Amino acid sequence: MVKPMPTGTVMRNECRQQAEKQGLKVLSIGGFHTVTGSGGREIGSDAIMGVSRAGQTYTVRCSYSFGDGRARITSSRG
């Protein structure tokens, strides 16, 4: 059975919750871009988020996995 694709709202909420768990204040969330795996199969989606912590503002990437429905903050971008 194939899982339905998550909505943008679901992915944004998951990314926001994950960032907040890491002590980040979310300022903005960009549009999601599909991530493909072998054979071009869609496996997830990435978005760039504007965040702040301790008075510093920067961007991070949030990766949402279609397989487990979880979001991860995967990198910091200078």
Protein backbone atom coordinates (compact mmCIF):
# COMPACT_ATOMS: atom_id res chain seq x y z
CA MET A 1 0.00 0.00 0.00
CA VAL A 2 1.40 3.38 -1.03
CA LYS A 3 1.28 6.18 1.53
CA PRO A 4 -0.32 9.43 0.35
CA MET A 5 2.08 12.32 -0.22
CA PRO A 6 2.18 14.71 2.74
CA THR A 7 0.85 18.20 2.26
CA GLY A 8 3.06 21.27 2.44
CA THR A 9 1.38 22.15 5.73
CA VAL A 10 2.34 18.79 7.25
CA MET A 11 5.95 19.14 6.13
CA ARG A 12 6.19 22.74 7.38
CA ASN A 13 4.75 21.78 10.77
CA GLU A 14 7.19 18.87 11.13
CA CYS A 15 10.16 21.08 10.20
CA ARG A 16 9.03 23.80 12.60
CA GLN A 17 8.62 21.30 15.46
CA GLN A 18 12.05 19.75 14.82
CA ALA A 19 13.74 23.17 14.75
CA GLU A 20 12.03 24.20 17.97
CA LYS A 21 13.16 20.95 19.64
CA GLN A 22 16.71 22.06 18.81
CA GLY A 23 16.20 25.45 20.41
CA LEU A 24 15.77 27.37 17.17
CA LYS A 25 13.21 30.12 16.60
CA VAL A 26 11.77 29.72 13.09
CA LEU A 27 11.58 32.99 11.16
CA SER A 28 10.68 31.62 7.72
CA ILE A 29 10.31 28.41 5.76
CA GLY A 30 10.97 28.40 2.03
CA GLY A 31 9.26 26.25 -0.55
CA PHE A 32 9.91 22.53 -0.56
CA HIS A 33 11.88 20.83 -3.33
CA THR A 34 11.49 17.13 -4.04
CA VAL A 35 14.40 14.80 -3.33
CA THR A 36 14.66 11.72 -5.52
CA GLY A 37 16.36 8.41 -4.89
CA SER A 38 17.36 5.59 -7.19
CA GLY A 39 15.29 5.34 -10.33
CA GLY A 40 13.90 8.83 -9.81
CA ARG A 41 11.59 7.73 -7.00
CA GLU A 42 10.51 10.60 -4.73
CA ILE A 43 11.89 9.91 -1.26
CA GLY A 44 11.53 13.24 0.50
CA SER A 45 11.54 16.98 0.32
CA ASP A 46 13.93 19.75 1.42
CA ALA A 47 13.34 23.36 2.40
CA ILE A 48 15.59 26.16 3.57
CA MET A 49 14.53 27.75 6.85
CA GLY A 50 15.49 31.10 8.34
CA VAL A 51 16.09 30.61 12.07
CA SER A 52 17.57 32.41 15.04
CA ARG A 53 19.13 31.44 18.35
CA ALA A 54 20.88 33.54 20.96
CA GLY A 55 20.51 36.68 18.86
CA GLN A 56 22.10 35.18 15.74
CA THR A 57 20.14 34.63 12.52
CA TYR A 58 21.11 32.01 9.97
CA THR A 59 19.70 29.43 7.58
CA VAL A 60 19.37 25.66 7.89
CA ARG A 61 18.09 22.93 5.63
CA CYS A 62 15.13 20.86 6.74
CA SER A 63 14.81 17.44 5.13
CA TYR A 64 11.45 15.70 5.34
CA SER A 65 11.49 11.94 4.69
CA PHE A 66 8.44 10.44 3.02
CA GLY A 67 9.43 7.00 4.37
CA ASP A 68 9.07 7.74 8.06
CA GLY A 69 7.28 11.09 7.98
CA ARG A 70 9.99 12.77 10.02
CA ALA A 71 11.80 16.05 9.56
CA ARG A 72 15.49 16.55 10.23
CA ILE A 73 17.57 19.69 10.39
CA THR A 74 20.41 18.46 8.21
CA SER A 75 22.83 21.32 7.75
CA SER A 76 23.68 24.86 8.53
CA ARG A 77 24.36 27.24 5.69
CA GLY A 78 26.76 30.11 6.44
